[in-house]
Amino acid sequence: MFSHHTHYKSHALSLFPLSIIVVLVLLALTLTAQSAAAASPHVDRMVLNGEINPASLRLLTKAVSTAENDGARVLVIEIDTPGGDLDSLKAMTQVELGSILPFALCSSMSAASSSSWAV
């Protein structure tokens, strides 16, 4: 009886390294699939709908950083804003000029003025 229990325990222990290898292989395949998806050609999009202010600047900065890091080919910015803070608008322009990404901007018909296109 004792030898049977010992045999079962040693068999289970011999499978332990194999189970670790299987888990590591599955993890590697999952990470490879995720990086392949991030590397595939895609477009990122953000919506700027509200007054231009420091929060809008943070939103744009985060969207540009995300798009650059995930390999987006272009960042599409949908603009629907009545305008707002000129200092934030100027800073947003600098974020775009400092980026390696191309941008595609589109505005809804309710954008307040042509200065909405300056972003």
N, C-alpha and C. Protein backbone atom coordinates (compact mmCIF):
# COMPACT_ATOMS: atom_id res chain seq x y z
N MET A 1 0.83 -1.18 0.00
CA MET A 1 0.00 0.00 0.00
C MET A 1 0.87 1.25 0.00
N PHE A 2 1.89 1.28 0.80
CA PHE A 2 2.77 2.45 0.85
C PHE A 2 3.50 2.64 -0.48
N SER A 3 3.94 1.59 -1.11
CA SER A 3 4.67 1.69 -2.37
C SER A 3 3.77 2.20 -3.48
N HIS A 4 2.49 1.82 -3.46
CA HIS A 4 1.55 2.32 -4.47
C HIS A 4 1.38 3.84 -4.34
N HIS A 5 1.25 4.33 -3.13
CA HIS A 5 1.09 5.77 -2.87
C HIS A 5 2.37 6.51 -3.29
N THR A 6 3.52 5.96 -3.01
CA THR A 6 4.79 6.57 -3.38
C THR A 6 4.93 6.62 -4.88
N HIS A 7 4.51 5.58 -5.58
CA HIS A 7 4.57 5.54 -7.03
C HIS A 7 3.69 6.64 -7.64
N TYR A 8 2.48 6.79 -7.12
CA TYR A 8 1.57 7.82 -7.61
C TYR A 8 2.15 9.21 -7.39
N LYS A 9 2.75 9.45 -6.22
CA LYS A 9 3.34 10.75 -5.90
C LYS A 9 4.52 11.05 -6.81
N SER A 10 5.38 10.08 -7.07
CA SER A 10 6.53 10.31 -7.94
C SER A 10 6.08 10.54 -9.39
N HIS A 11 5.00 9.89 -9.81
CA HIS A 11 4.46 10.11 -11.16
C HIS A 11 3.93 11.55 -11.29
N ALA A 12 3.24 12.01 -10.28
CA ALA A 12 2.71 13.37 -10.29
C ALA A 12 3.85 14.38 -10.31
N LEU A 13 4.91 14.11 -9.55
CA LEU A 13 6.05 15.02 -9.53
C LEU A 13 6.79 15.02 -10.86
N SER A 14 6.79 13.91 -11.57
CA SER A 14 7.46 13.88 -12.87
C SER A 14 6.69 14.68 -13.92
N LEU A 15 5.40 14.86 -13.73
CA LEU A 15 4.59 15.66 -14.65
C LEU A 15 4.69 17.16 -14.37
N PHE A 16 5.16 17.52 -13.19
CA PHE A 16 5.24 18.92 -12.81
C PHE A 16 6.10 19.75 -13.77
N PRO A 17 7.33 19.32 -14.11
CA PRO A 17 8.13 20.12 -15.06
C PRO A 17 7.46 20.24 -16.43
N LEU A 18 6.77 19.18 -16.85
CA LEU A 18 6.07 19.23 -18.13
C LEU A 18 4.95 20.26 -18.10
N SER A 19 4.21 20.32 -16.99
CA SER A 19 3.12 21.29 -16.89
C SER A 19 3.65 22.72 -16.88
N ILE A 20 4.80 22.94 -16.27
CA ILE A 20 5.41 24.27 -16.28
C ILE A 20 5.81 24.65 -17.70
N ILE A 21 6.36 23.71 -18.44
CA ILE A 21 6.75 23.99 -19.83
C ILE A 21 5.52 24.33 -20.67
N VAL A 22 4.43 23.58 -20.49
CA VAL A 22 3.20 23.85 -21.24
C VAL A 22 2.68 25.24 -20.93
N VAL A 23 2.67 25.61 -19.67
CA VAL A 23 2.20 26.95 -19.27
C VAL A 23 3.08 28.04 -19.89
N LEU A 24 4.39 27.85 -19.86
CA LEU A 24 5.29 28.84 -20.43
C LEU A 24 5.12 28.97 -21.95
N VAL A 25 4.91 27.87 -22.62
CA VAL A 25 4.68 27.92 -24.08
C VAL A 25 3.39 28.64 -24.39
N LEU A 26 2.33 28.33 -23.65
CA LEU A 26 1.06 29.02 -23.87
C LEU A 26 1.18 30.52 -23.59
N LEU A 27 1.90 30.89 -22.56
CA LEU A 27 2.12 32.30 -22.25
C LEU A 27 2.89 32.98 -23.37
N ALA A 28 3.91 32.32 -23.88
CA ALA A 28 4.70 32.90 -24.98
C ALA A 28 3.85 33.08 -26.24
N LEU A 29 3.00 32.11 -26.53
CA LEU A 29 2.12 32.22 -27.71
C LEU A 29 1.13 33.37 -27.54
N THR A 30 0.61 33.54 -26.34
CA THR A 30 -0.33 34.63 -26.08
C THR A 30 0.35 35.98 -26.26
N LEU A 31 1.56 36.13 -25.71
CA LEU A 31 2.28 37.40 -25.84
C LEU A 31 2.66 37.68 -27.28
N THR A 32 3.02 36.64 -28.03
CA THR A 32 3.36 36.81 -29.44
C THR A 32 2.14 37.27 -30.23
N ALA A 33 0.98 36.69 -29.93
CA ALA A 33 -0.25 37.08 -30.63
C ALA A 33 -0.61 38.53 -30.31
N GLN A 34 -0.42 38.94 -29.06
CA GLN A 34 -0.73 40.32 -28.69
C GLN A 34 0.20 41.30 -29.38
N SER A 35 1.50 40.99 -29.44
CA SER A 35 2.43 41.91 -30.09
C SER A 35 2.21 41.93 -31.59
N ALA A 36 1.79 40.82 -32.18
CA ALA A 36 1.49 40.79 -33.60
C ALA A 36 0.27 41.65 -33.90
N ALA A 37 -0.72 41.63 -33.01
CA ALA A 37 -1.90 42.46 -33.21
C ALA A 37 -1.54 43.94 -33.09
N ALA A 38 -0.66 44.27 -32.15
CA ALA A 38 -0.24 45.67 -31.99
C ALA A 38 0.58 46.12 -33.18
N ALA A 39 1.31 45.21 -33.80
CA ALA A 39 2.16 45.58 -34.93
C ALA A 39 1.40 45.60 -36.25
N SER A 40 0.18 45.09 -36.28
CA SER A 40 -0.57 45.07 -37.53
C SER A 40 -0.99 46.50 -37.89
N PRO A 41 -1.11 46.77 -39.19
CA PRO A 41 -1.50 48.12 -39.61
C PRO A 41 -2.88 48.48 -39.06
N HIS A 42 -2.95 49.61 -38.41
CA HIS A 42 -4.23 50.07 -37.87
C HIS A 42 -4.20 51.59 -37.69
N VAL A 43 -5.37 52.13 -37.44
CA VAL A 43 -5.56 53.56 -37.23
C VAL A 43 -6.14 53.76 -35.84
N ASP A 44 -5.59 54.71 -35.09
CA ASP A 44 -6.18 55.07 -33.80
C ASP A 44 -7.07 56.28 -33.99
N ARG A 45 -8.07 56.42 -33.13
CA ARG A 45 -9.04 57.50 -33.27
C ARG A 45 -9.31 58.10 -31.89
N MET A 46 -9.44 59.41 -31.86
CA MET A 46 -9.88 60.08 -30.64
C MET A 46 -10.95 61.10 -31.00
N VAL A 47 -11.81 61.38 -30.06
CA VAL A 47 -12.88 62.36 -30.26
C VAL A 47 -12.62 63.52 -29.31
N LEU A 48 -12.56 64.69 -29.88
CA LEU A 48 -12.38 65.91 -29.10
C LEU A 48 -13.70 66.66 -29.17
N ASN A 49 -14.54 66.44 -28.18
CA ASN A 49 -15.87 67.05 -28.21
C ASN A 49 -16.12 67.81 -26.92
N GLY A 50 -15.81 69.04 -26.95
CA GLY A 50 -15.98 69.89 -25.79
C GLY A 50 -15.06 71.08 -25.92
N GLU A 51 -15.08 71.89 -24.93
CA GLU A 51 -14.25 73.09 -24.93
C GLU A 51 -12.77 72.72 -24.86
N ILE A 52 -11.94 73.47 -25.59
CA ILE A 52 -10.49 73.28 -25.52
C ILE A 52 -9.99 73.83 -24.19
N ASN A 53 -9.32 72.99 -23.43
CA ASN A 53 -8.81 73.38 -22.12
C ASN A 53 -7.67 72.43 -21.75
N PRO A 54 -7.08 72.56 -20.57
CA PRO A 54 -5.98 71.67 -20.19
C PRO A 54 -6.36 70.18 -20.21
N ALA A 55 -7.61 69.85 -19.92
CA ALA A 55 -8.04 68.45 -19.98
C ALA A 55 -8.00 67.94 -21.43
N SER A 56 -8.38 68.78 -22.37
CA SER A 56 -8.31 68.42 -23.79
C SER A 56 -6.86 68.17 -24.20
N LEU A 57 -5.98 68.99 -23.70
CA LEU A 57 -4.55 68.83 -23.98
C LEU A 57 -4.05 67.49 -23.45
N ARG A 58 -4.44 67.14 -22.23
CA ARG A 58 -4.03 65.84 -21.66
C ARG A 58 -4.61 64.69 -22.48
N LEU A 59 -5.85 64.81 -22.92
CA LEU A 59 -6.48 63.77 -23.74
C LEU A 59 -5.71 63.58 -25.04
N LEU A 60 -5.37 64.66 -25.70
CA LEU A 60 -4.63 64.58 -26.95
C LEU A 60 -3.24 63.99 -26.71
N THR A 61 -2.56 64.45 -25.68
CA THR A 61 -1.22 63.95 -25.39
C THR A 61 -1.24 62.44 -25.14
N LYS A 62 -2.23 61.97 -24.40
CA LYS A 62 -2.35 60.54 -24.13
C LYS A 62 -2.66 59.78 -25.41
N ALA A 63 -3.56 60.30 -26.24
CA ALA A 63 -3.92 59.63 -27.49
C ALA A 63 -2.72 59.53 -28.43
N VAL A 64 -1.93 60.60 -28.51
CA VAL A 64 -0.73 60.59 -29.37
C VAL A 64 0.27 59.57 -28.84
N SER A 65 0.50 59.56 -27.54
CA SER A 65 1.44 58.61 -26.94
C SER A 65 1.00 57.17 -27.18
N THR A 66 -0.28 56.91 -26.98
CA THR A 66 -0.81 55.56 -27.21
C THR A 66 -0.65 55.15 -28.67
N ALA A 67 -1.00 56.05 -29.58
CA ALA A 67 -0.90 55.74 -31.00
C ALA A 67 0.54 55.49 -31.42
N GLU A 68 1.46 56.28 -30.90
CA GLU A 68 2.88 56.07 -31.22
C GLU A 68 3.38 54.74 -30.67
N ASN A 69 2.95 54.40 -29.46
CA ASN A 69 3.43 53.18 -28.81
C ASN A 69 2.79 51.91 -29.37
N ASP A 70 1.55 52.00 -29.85
CA ASP A 70 0.93 50.77 -30.37
C ASP A 70 1.09 50.61 -31.88
N GLY A 71 1.88 51.50 -32.48
CA GLY A 71 2.21 51.33 -33.89
C GLY A 71 1.14 51.77 -34.87
N ALA A 72 0.29 52.69 -34.46
CA ALA A 72 -0.76 53.16 -35.38
C ALA A 72 -0.13 53.85 -36.58
N ARG A 73 -0.77 53.70 -37.72
CA ARG A 73 -0.29 54.36 -38.94
C ARG A 73 -0.68 55.82 -38.97
N VAL A 74 -1.81 56.14 -38.35
CA VAL A 74 -2.32 57.52 -38.33
C VAL A 74 -3.22 57.67 -37.11
N LEU A 75 -3.34 58.90 -36.63
CA LEU A 75 -4.27 59.20 -35.55
C LEU A 75 -5.36 60.09 -36.14
N VAL A 76 -6.58 59.60 -36.11
CA VAL A 76 -7.73 60.37 -36.59
C VAL A 76 -8.30 61.11 -35.39
N ILE A 77 -8.45 62.42 -35.54
CA ILE A 77 -9.02 63.25 -34.47
C ILE A 77 -10.32 63.84 -34.98
N GLU A 78 -11.41 63.45 -34.35
CA GLU A 78 -12.72 64.01 -34.67
C GLU A 78 -12.95 65.21 -33.76
N ILE A 79 -13.16 66.36 -34.38
CA ILE A 79 -13.25 67.60 -33.62
C ILE A 79 -14.70 68.11 -33.64
N ASP A 80 -15.23 68.33 -32.47
CA ASP A 80 -16.54 68.96 -32.31
C ASP A 80 -16.43 69.85 -31.09
N THR A 81 -15.89 71.04 -31.29
CA THR A 81 -15.61 71.92 -30.17
C THR A 81 -16.04 73.36 -30.48
N PRO A 82 -16.51 74.05 -29.47
CA PRO A 82 -16.84 75.46 -29.67
C PRO A 82 -15.61 76.36 -29.57
N GLY A 83 -14.44 75.78 -29.32
CA GLY A 83 -13.23 76.58 -29.13
C GLY A 83 -12.84 76.52 -27.67
N GLY A 84 -12.12 77.54 -27.24
CA GLY A 84 -11.74 77.56 -25.83
C GLY A 84 -10.41 78.25 -25.59
N ASP A 85 -9.65 77.69 -24.69
CA ASP A 85 -8.41 78.25 -24.19
C ASP A 85 -7.32 78.22 -25.27
N LEU A 86 -6.83 79.41 -25.65
CA LEU A 86 -5.82 79.50 -26.71
C LEU A 86 -4.47 78.91 -26.29
N ASP A 87 -4.10 79.03 -25.02
CA ASP A 87 -2.83 78.45 -24.58
C ASP A 87 -2.86 76.92 -24.73
N SER A 88 -3.99 76.31 -24.37
CA SER A 88 -4.12 74.85 -24.54
C SER A 88 -4.10 74.48 -26.01
N LEU A 89 -4.74 75.29 -26.84
CA LEU A 89 -4.77 75.04 -28.28
C LEU A 89 -3.36 75.10 -28.86
N LYS A 90 -2.58 76.10 -28.45
CA LYS A 90 -1.20 76.22 -28.93
C LYS A 90 -0.36 75.03 -28.47
N ALA A 91 -0.56 74.60 -27.22
CA ALA A 91 0.18 73.44 -26.71
C ALA A 91 -0.22 72.17 -27.46
N MET A 92 -1.49 72.06 -27.82
CA MET A 92 -1.95 70.90 -28.59
C MET A 92 -1.29 70.88 -29.96
N THR A 93 -1.15 72.04 -30.56
CA THR A 93 -0.48 72.14 -31.85
C THR A 93 0.96 71.68 -31.73
N GLN A 94 1.63 72.04 -30.64
CA GLN A 94 3.02 71.63 -30.43
C GLN A 94 3.14 70.11 -30.22
N VAL A 95 2.15 69.53 -29.55
CA VAL A 95 2.15 68.07 -29.37
C VAL A 95 2.07 67.39 -30.73
N GLU A 96 1.20 67.89 -31.59
CA GLU A 96 1.06 67.30 -32.92
C GLU A 96 2.32 67.51 -33.76
N LEU A 97 2.89 68.70 -33.70
CA LEU A 97 4.10 68.97 -34.49
C LEU A 97 5.29 68.14 -34.00
N GLY A 98 5.31 67.81 -32.72
CA GLY A 98 6.40 67.04 -32.16
C GLY A 98 6.24 65.54 -32.32
N SER A 99 5.14 65.11 -32.88
CA SER A 99 4.88 63.69 -33.01
C SER A 99 5.42 63.15 -34.33
N ILE A 100 5.71 61.86 -34.34
CA ILE A 100 6.14 61.19 -35.57
C ILE A 100 4.94 60.72 -36.39
N LEU A 101 3.74 60.82 -35.82
CA LEU A 101 2.52 60.34 -36.48
C LEU A 101 1.95 61.34 -37.47
N PRO A 102 1.34 60.85 -38.54
CA PRO A 102 0.48 61.72 -39.33
C PRO A 102 -0.89 61.79 -38.64
N PHE A 103 -1.57 62.90 -38.85
CA PHE A 103 -2.89 63.10 -38.25
C PHE A 103 -3.91 63.32 -39.35
N ALA A 104 -5.11 62.84 -39.12
CA ALA A 104 -6.25 63.14 -39.99
C ALA A 104 -7.28 63.82 -39.11
N LEU A 105 -7.64 65.04 -39.46
CA LEU A 105 -8.59 65.80 -38.65
C LEU A 105 -9.90 65.92 -39.40
N CYS A 106 -10.98 65.76 -38.68
CA CYS A 106 -12.29 66.00 -39.28
C CYS A 106 -13.13 66.74 -38.25
N SER A 107 -13.96 67.61 -38.75
CA SER A 107 -14.77 68.44 -37.88
C SER A 107 -16.24 68.24 -38.19
N SER A 108 -17.05 68.27 -37.16
CA SER A 108 -18.48 68.19 -37.38
C SER A 108 -18.97 69.56 -37.83
N MET A 109 -20.15 69.60 -38.31
CA MET A 109 -20.72 70.87 -38.78
C MET A 109 -20.99 71.84 -37.63
N SER A 110 -20.98 71.35 -36.40
CA SER A 110 -21.28 72.23 -35.27
C SER A 110 -20.05 72.89 -34.68
N ALA A 111 -18.87 72.63 -35.24
CA ALA A 111 -17.68 73.31 -34.72
C ALA A 111 -17.86 74.81 -34.87
N ALA A 112 -17.48 75.56 -33.84
CA ALA A 112 -17.85 76.97 -33.76
C ALA A 112 -17.13 77.87 -34.76
N SER A 113 -15.86 77.62 -35.02
CA SER A 113 -15.12 78.55 -35.86
C SER A 113 -14.00 77.83 -36.57
N SER A 114 -13.37 78.55 -37.48
CA SER A 114 -12.25 77.96 -38.21
C SER A 114 -11.08 77.71 -37.29
N SER A 115 -11.04 78.35 -36.13
CA SER A 115 -9.93 78.09 -35.21
C SER A 115 -10.00 76.67 -34.65
N SER A 116 -11.16 76.03 -34.75
CA SER A 116 -11.27 74.64 -34.34
C SER A 116 -10.36 73.76 -35.18
N TRP A 117 -10.06 74.18 -36.41
CA TRP A 117 -9.22 73.41 -37.31
C TRP A 117 -7.74 73.60 -37.00
N ALA A 118 -7.40 74.53 -36.13
CA ALA A 118 -5.99 74.80 -35.85
C ALA A 118 -5.36 73.68 -35.03
N VAL A 119 -6.16 72.82 -34.45
CA VAL A 119 -5.63 71.75 -33.60
C VAL A 119 -4.83 70.79 -34.41
